[in-house]
Amino acid sequence: MSNGDLEGLRALVTGGASGIGLATARLLAERGADVAVLDLDPSGAPAPLHAFTADVRDDRSVRAAVQGAAQALGGIDILVNNAGIGAAGTVEDNPDEQWHLVLDVNLLGIVRTTRAALPHLRRSVTSRPGRTAAVVNTCSIAATAGLPQRALYSASKGAVLSLTLAMAADHVREGIRVNCVNPGTVDTPWVGRLLDAAADPRAERAALSARQPTGRLVSAEEVPAAIAYLASPAAASTTGTALAVDGGMAGLRLRPEPAP
């Protein structure tokens, strides 16, 4: 049941038609926000979500979609930069073209969308004295922990973490808060496809679960809950923060369990 803490706010979620993005858009709407999603294929976004087609690699596409979303919503108070793609391999395994693609989506996609949304976020602040606007970026545990076979993905998310801090410093005096969430391994369709491609999917799932101190994958609902908090008025004093949703992976160092 909604607690209504986002009542009257207007939110825009990129990559919002599937996975974590869709779960985030739904949760924001449940909490009272009017929500628009941007996606390459927005057909997966059900009503009452407003859906717009956009490719975050293309500035013109992004600007048109953000403008359309702002018109449909009557403004933008919250921006969730969630669109992203994965990559596996060491530095030897991914060709330059794939590096350019992943960085274009995961890093420059945030730049393009935020750049287009900033005028609307500024108007949000000036039209609601004493309130802040919020940007939340979907980052990753890969930004702060060395994970095997994730060189390209880790590099892109490390850049997202640094960009989040820089944006927070640039816009704090405008009343625009910028934070990110750092999920661990989340039980998403992308992870499911990785598991399916493994030689032993069951063993691979067990290994991924075991490296998180909670002993399980992060659920797809837990990440949106963290995003919703950072976007909400309850986090009005929170900016320049990376909120880990990783089952303790970043900070805990447990001793091995004793043998039975």
Protein backbone atom coordinates (compact mmCIF):
# COMPACT_ATOMS: atom_id res chain seq x y z
CA MET A 1 0.00 0.00 0.00
CA SER A 2 1.36 3.45 -0.91
CA ASN A 3 2.67 5.75 1.80
CA GLY A 4 2.15 8.73 -0.49
CA ASP A 5 5.56 10.27 0.22
CA LEU A 6 6.00 11.16 -3.47
CA GLU A 7 2.50 12.59 -3.93
CA GLY A 8 2.53 15.49 -6.40
CA LEU A 9 6.05 14.82 -7.68
CA ARG A 10 6.96 14.16 -11.32
CA ALA A 11 9.55 11.46 -12.07
CA LEU A 12 11.40 10.37 -15.20
CA VAL A 13 13.05 6.91 -15.36
CA THR A 14 15.38 5.85 -18.19
CA GLY A 15 15.45 2.19 -19.13
CA GLY A 16 12.07 2.16 -17.43
CA ALA A 17 10.24 -0.47 -19.47
CA SER A 18 11.92 -3.57 -18.02
CA GLY A 19 13.98 -4.91 -15.13
CA ILE A 20 15.06 -2.57 -12.34
CA GLY A 21 13.84 0.45 -14.30
CA LEU A 22 10.29 -0.83 -14.61
CA ALA A 23 10.22 -1.93 -10.98
CA THR A 24 11.43 1.55 -9.99
CA ALA A 25 8.85 3.32 -12.15
CA ARG A 26 6.06 1.20 -10.66
CA LEU A 27 7.22 1.84 -7.09
CA LEU A 28 7.47 5.59 -7.62
CA ALA A 29 3.95 5.56 -9.05
CA GLU A 30 2.67 3.48 -6.14
CA ARG A 31 4.08 6.10 -3.79
CA GLY A 32 2.17 8.85 -5.51
CA ALA A 33 4.48 10.19 -8.21
CA ASP A 34 3.42 10.83 -11.79
CA VAL A 35 5.97 8.82 -13.76
CA ALA A 36 7.30 8.79 -17.32
CA VAL A 37 9.70 6.21 -18.69
CA LEU A 38 12.23 6.49 -21.50
CA ASP A 39 13.28 3.30 -23.25
CA LEU A 40 14.39 1.96 -26.61
CA ASP A 41 11.20 -0.12 -26.51
CA PRO A 42 8.75 1.44 -24.05
CA SER A 43 5.96 -1.01 -24.86
CA GLY A 44 6.61 -2.87 -21.61
CA ALA A 45 5.60 0.11 -19.50
CA PRO A 46 1.93 -0.26 -18.46
CA ALA A 47 -0.51 2.53 -17.63
CA PRO A 48 -0.52 4.83 -15.74
CA LEU A 49 3.13 5.24 -16.72
CA HIS A 50 3.80 7.70 -19.57
CA ALA A 51 6.03 6.00 -22.14
CA PHE A 52 8.50 7.64 -24.52
CA THR A 53 10.91 6.12 -27.02
CA ALA A 54 14.50 7.25 -26.69
CA ASP A 55 18.00 6.00 -27.41
CA VAL A 56 20.34 7.37 -24.74
CA ARG A 57 23.18 7.16 -27.27
CA ASP A 58 21.53 9.86 -29.39
CA ASP A 59 21.35 13.39 -27.98
CA ARG A 60 18.53 14.53 -30.27
CA SER A 61 16.44 11.50 -29.32
CA VAL A 62 17.04 12.12 -25.62
CA ARG A 63 16.22 15.82 -25.77
CA ALA A 64 12.97 15.18 -27.64
CA ALA A 65 11.87 12.46 -25.23
CA VAL A 66 12.76 14.46 -22.10
CA GLN A 67 10.86 17.44 -23.45
CA GLY A 68 7.86 15.25 -24.24
CA ALA A 69 7.96 13.72 -20.77
CA ALA A 70 8.21 17.13 -19.12
CA GLN A 71 5.17 18.32 -21.06
CA ALA A 72 3.17 15.21 -20.19
CA LEU A 73 4.08 15.43 -16.50
CA GLY A 74 3.96 19.21 -16.19
CA GLY A 75 7.62 19.28 -15.13
CA ILE A 76 10.31 17.01 -13.70
CA ASP A 77 11.22 16.78 -10.00
CA ILE A 78 13.02 13.43 -10.05
CA LEU A 79 15.34 11.90 -12.65
CA VAL A 80 16.39 8.26 -12.37
CA ASN A 81 19.25 7.44 -14.74
CA ASN A 82 18.84 3.68 -14.95
CA ALA A 83 19.43 2.78 -18.61
CA GLY A 84 22.48 0.57 -18.97
CA ILE A 85 23.98 -2.52 -20.56
CA GLY A 86 26.35 -5.18 -19.31
CA ALA A 87 29.56 -6.70 -20.55
CA ALA A 88 31.69 -9.66 -19.53
CA GLY A 89 35.38 -10.30 -19.99
CA THR A 90 38.88 -9.11 -19.12
CA VAL A 91 40.61 -6.19 -20.84
CA GLU A 92 41.69 -8.65 -23.54
CA ASP A 93 38.20 -9.83 -24.39
CA ASN A 94 36.20 -6.78 -25.48
CA PRO A 95 37.01 -5.00 -28.76
CA ASP A 96 37.16 -1.23 -28.94
CA GLU A 97 33.71 -1.09 -30.50
CA GLN A 98 32.18 -2.75 -27.44
CA TRP A 99 34.05 -0.40 -25.10
CA HIS A 100 32.66 2.57 -27.03
CA LEU A 101 29.13 1.12 -26.92
CA VAL A 102 29.06 0.35 -23.18
CA LEU A 103 30.58 3.68 -22.20
CA ASP A 104 28.22 5.48 -24.58
CA VAL A 105 25.18 3.92 -22.91
CA ASN A 106 26.24 3.59 -19.27
CA LEU A 107 28.14 6.87 -18.89
CA LEU A 108 27.26 9.27 -21.68
CA GLY A 109 23.62 8.20 -21.49
CA ILE A 110 23.54 9.72 -18.00
CA VAL A 111 25.24 12.85 -19.29
CA ARG A 112 22.77 13.32 -22.13
CA THR A 113 19.65 12.67 -20.08
CA THR A 114 20.71 14.82 -17.14
CA ARG A 115 21.77 17.64 -19.44
CA ALA A 116 18.34 17.62 -21.06
CA ALA A 117 16.52 17.39 -17.71
CA LEU A 118 18.46 20.05 -15.78
CA PRO A 119 16.35 23.03 -16.90
CA HIS A 120 13.23 21.21 -15.69
CA LEU A 121 14.88 20.19 -12.41
CA ARG A 122 15.90 23.81 -11.81
CA ARG A 123 12.33 24.97 -12.41
CA SER A 124 11.17 22.32 -9.96
CA VAL A 125 13.33 23.85 -7.24
CA THR A 126 12.33 27.45 -7.92
CA SER A 127 8.64 26.57 -8.08
CA ARG A 128 8.70 24.71 -4.74
CA PRO A 129 10.55 26.89 -2.20
CA GLY A 130 12.33 24.87 0.43
CA ARG A 131 12.21 21.64 -1.59
CA THR A 132 14.92 19.90 -3.58
CA ALA A 133 14.98 18.10 -6.91
CA ALA A 134 16.67 14.71 -7.15
CA VAL A 135 18.83 12.76 -9.57
CA VAL A 136 19.51 9.09 -8.81
CA ASN A 137 21.98 7.13 -10.95
CA THR A 138 22.04 3.34 -11.09
CA CYS A 139 25.66 2.42 -10.45
CA SER A 140 27.03 -0.95 -9.26
CA ILE A 141 29.15 -2.76 -6.70
CA ALA A 142 31.50 -3.12 -9.67
CA ALA A 143 32.46 0.54 -9.15
CA THR A 144 34.07 -0.20 -5.79
CA ALA A 145 35.04 -3.89 -5.85
CA GLY A 146 37.27 -5.75 -8.26
CA LEU A 147 35.06 -8.39 -9.86
CA PRO A 148 36.49 -11.03 -12.22
CA GLN A 149 35.50 -10.93 -15.88
CA ARG A 150 33.93 -7.47 -15.60
CA ALA A 151 36.69 -5.08 -16.75
CA LEU A 152 34.61 -3.04 -19.19
CA TYR A 153 31.46 -3.01 -17.08
CA SER A 154 33.44 -2.06 -13.97
CA ALA A 155 35.17 0.79 -15.79
CA SER A 156 31.83 2.20 -16.93
CA LYS A 157 30.32 2.01 -13.44
CA GLY A 158 33.43 3.45 -11.81
CA ALA A 159 32.96 6.43 -14.10
CA VAL A 160 29.29 6.66 -13.07
CA LEU A 161 30.31 6.82 -9.40
CA SER A 162 32.82 9.62 -10.05
CA LEU A 163 30.31 11.45 -12.24
CA THR A 164 27.69 11.22 -9.48
CA LEU A 165 30.01 12.90 -6.98
CA ALA A 166 31.00 15.61 -9.45
CA MET A 167 27.37 16.32 -10.37
CA ALA A 168 26.43 16.48 -6.69
CA ALA A 169 29.11 19.12 -6.11
CA ASP A 170 28.11 21.09 -9.21
CA HIS A 171 24.40 21.31 -8.41
CA VAL A 172 24.07 21.21 -4.62
CA ARG A 173 23.71 25.01 -4.37
CA GLU A 174 20.93 24.87 -6.95
CA GLY A 175 18.94 22.58 -4.69
CA ILE A 176 19.46 19.53 -6.92
CA ARG A 177 20.60 16.42 -5.06
CA VAL A 178 22.58 13.75 -6.92
CA ASN A 179 23.12 10.26 -5.53
CA CYS A 180 23.58 6.73 -6.82
CA VAL A 181 22.72 3.19 -5.80
CA ASN A 182 25.32 0.44 -5.99
CA PRO A 183 23.51 -2.88 -6.40
CA GLY A 184 25.30 -6.16 -5.93
CA THR A 185 24.36 -9.07 -8.17
CA VAL A 186 20.65 -8.62 -8.78
CA ASP A 187 18.32 -11.38 -9.90
CA THR A 188 17.45 -9.76 -13.24
CA PRO A 189 16.85 -11.17 -16.75
CA TRP A 190 20.39 -10.10 -17.74
CA VAL A 191 21.92 -12.13 -14.90
CA GLY A 192 19.58 -14.97 -15.83
CA ARG A 193 20.96 -14.95 -19.37
CA LEU A 194 24.53 -15.05 -18.02
CA LEU A 195 23.62 -18.02 -15.85
CA ASP A 196 21.96 -19.82 -18.75
CA ALA A 197 25.14 -19.41 -20.80
CA ALA A 198 27.36 -20.89 -18.07
CA ALA A 199 28.64 -24.46 -18.33
CA ASP A 200 26.85 -25.26 -15.06
CA PRO A 201 24.10 -22.64 -14.44
CA ARG A 202 23.19 -24.07 -11.04
CA ALA A 203 26.78 -23.95 -9.78
CA GLU A 204 27.24 -20.45 -11.21
CA ARG A 205 24.12 -19.18 -9.40
CA ALA A 206 25.37 -20.73 -6.17
CA ALA A 207 28.76 -19.02 -6.61
CA LEU A 208 27.19 -15.61 -7.28
CA SER A 209 24.91 -16.00 -4.27
CA ALA A 210 27.75 -17.10 -2.00
CA ARG A 211 29.94 -14.07 -2.70
CA GLN A 212 27.30 -11.82 -1.11
CA PRO A 213 27.40 -12.16 2.70
CA THR A 214 23.62 -12.56 2.86
CA GLY A 215 24.04 -15.70 0.79
CA ARG A 216 21.55 -14.74 -1.92
CA LEU A 217 21.17 -12.50 -4.94
CA VAL A 218 19.69 -9.05 -4.44
CA SER A 219 16.01 -9.07 -5.42
CA ALA A 220 14.78 -6.82 -8.20
CA GLU A 221 12.47 -5.07 -5.69
CA GLU A 222 15.20 -4.08 -3.23
CA VAL A 223 17.05 -1.75 -5.59
CA PRO A 224 13.95 0.35 -6.46
CA ALA A 225 13.26 0.75 -2.72
CA ALA A 226 16.70 2.36 -2.31
CA ILE A 227 16.18 4.56 -5.38
CA ALA A 228 12.79 5.68 -4.10
CA TYR A 229 14.31 6.69 -0.76
CA LEU A 230 17.06 8.77 -2.39
CA ALA A 231 14.47 10.42 -4.65
CA SER A 232 12.09 11.22 -1.81
CA PRO A 233 11.83 14.29 0.44
CA ALA A 234 12.98 12.03 3.31
CA ALA A 235 16.49 12.19 1.79
CA ALA A 236 16.54 16.01 1.55
CA SER A 237 19.96 16.16 3.26
CA THR A 238 21.47 13.31 1.27
CA THR A 239 23.61 14.18 -1.73
CA GLY A 240 26.86 12.84 -3.15
CA THR A 241 26.14 9.43 -1.63
CA ALA A 242 26.51 5.92 -3.03
CA LEU A 243 23.99 3.65 -1.33
CA ALA A 244 25.10 0.02 -1.49
CA VAL A 245 22.35 -2.57 -2.00
CA ASP A 246 24.69 -5.52 -2.19
CA GLY A 247 23.98 -7.92 0.65
CA GLY A 248 27.02 -6.59 2.53
CA MET A 249 29.46 -7.38 -0.29
CA ALA A 250 31.26 -4.03 -0.26
CA GLY A 251 31.90 -3.69 3.45
CA LEU A 252 31.72 -7.06 5.20
CA ARG A 253 34.57 -9.53 5.55
CA LEU A 254 33.15 -12.66 7.15
CA ARG A 255 35.21 -15.53 8.46
CA PRO A 256 34.60 -18.85 6.69
CA GLU A 257 31.82 -20.88 8.23
CA PRO A 258 33.14 -23.78 10.31
CA ALA A 259 33.06 -27.16 8.64
CA PRO A 260 30.14 -29.35 9.78
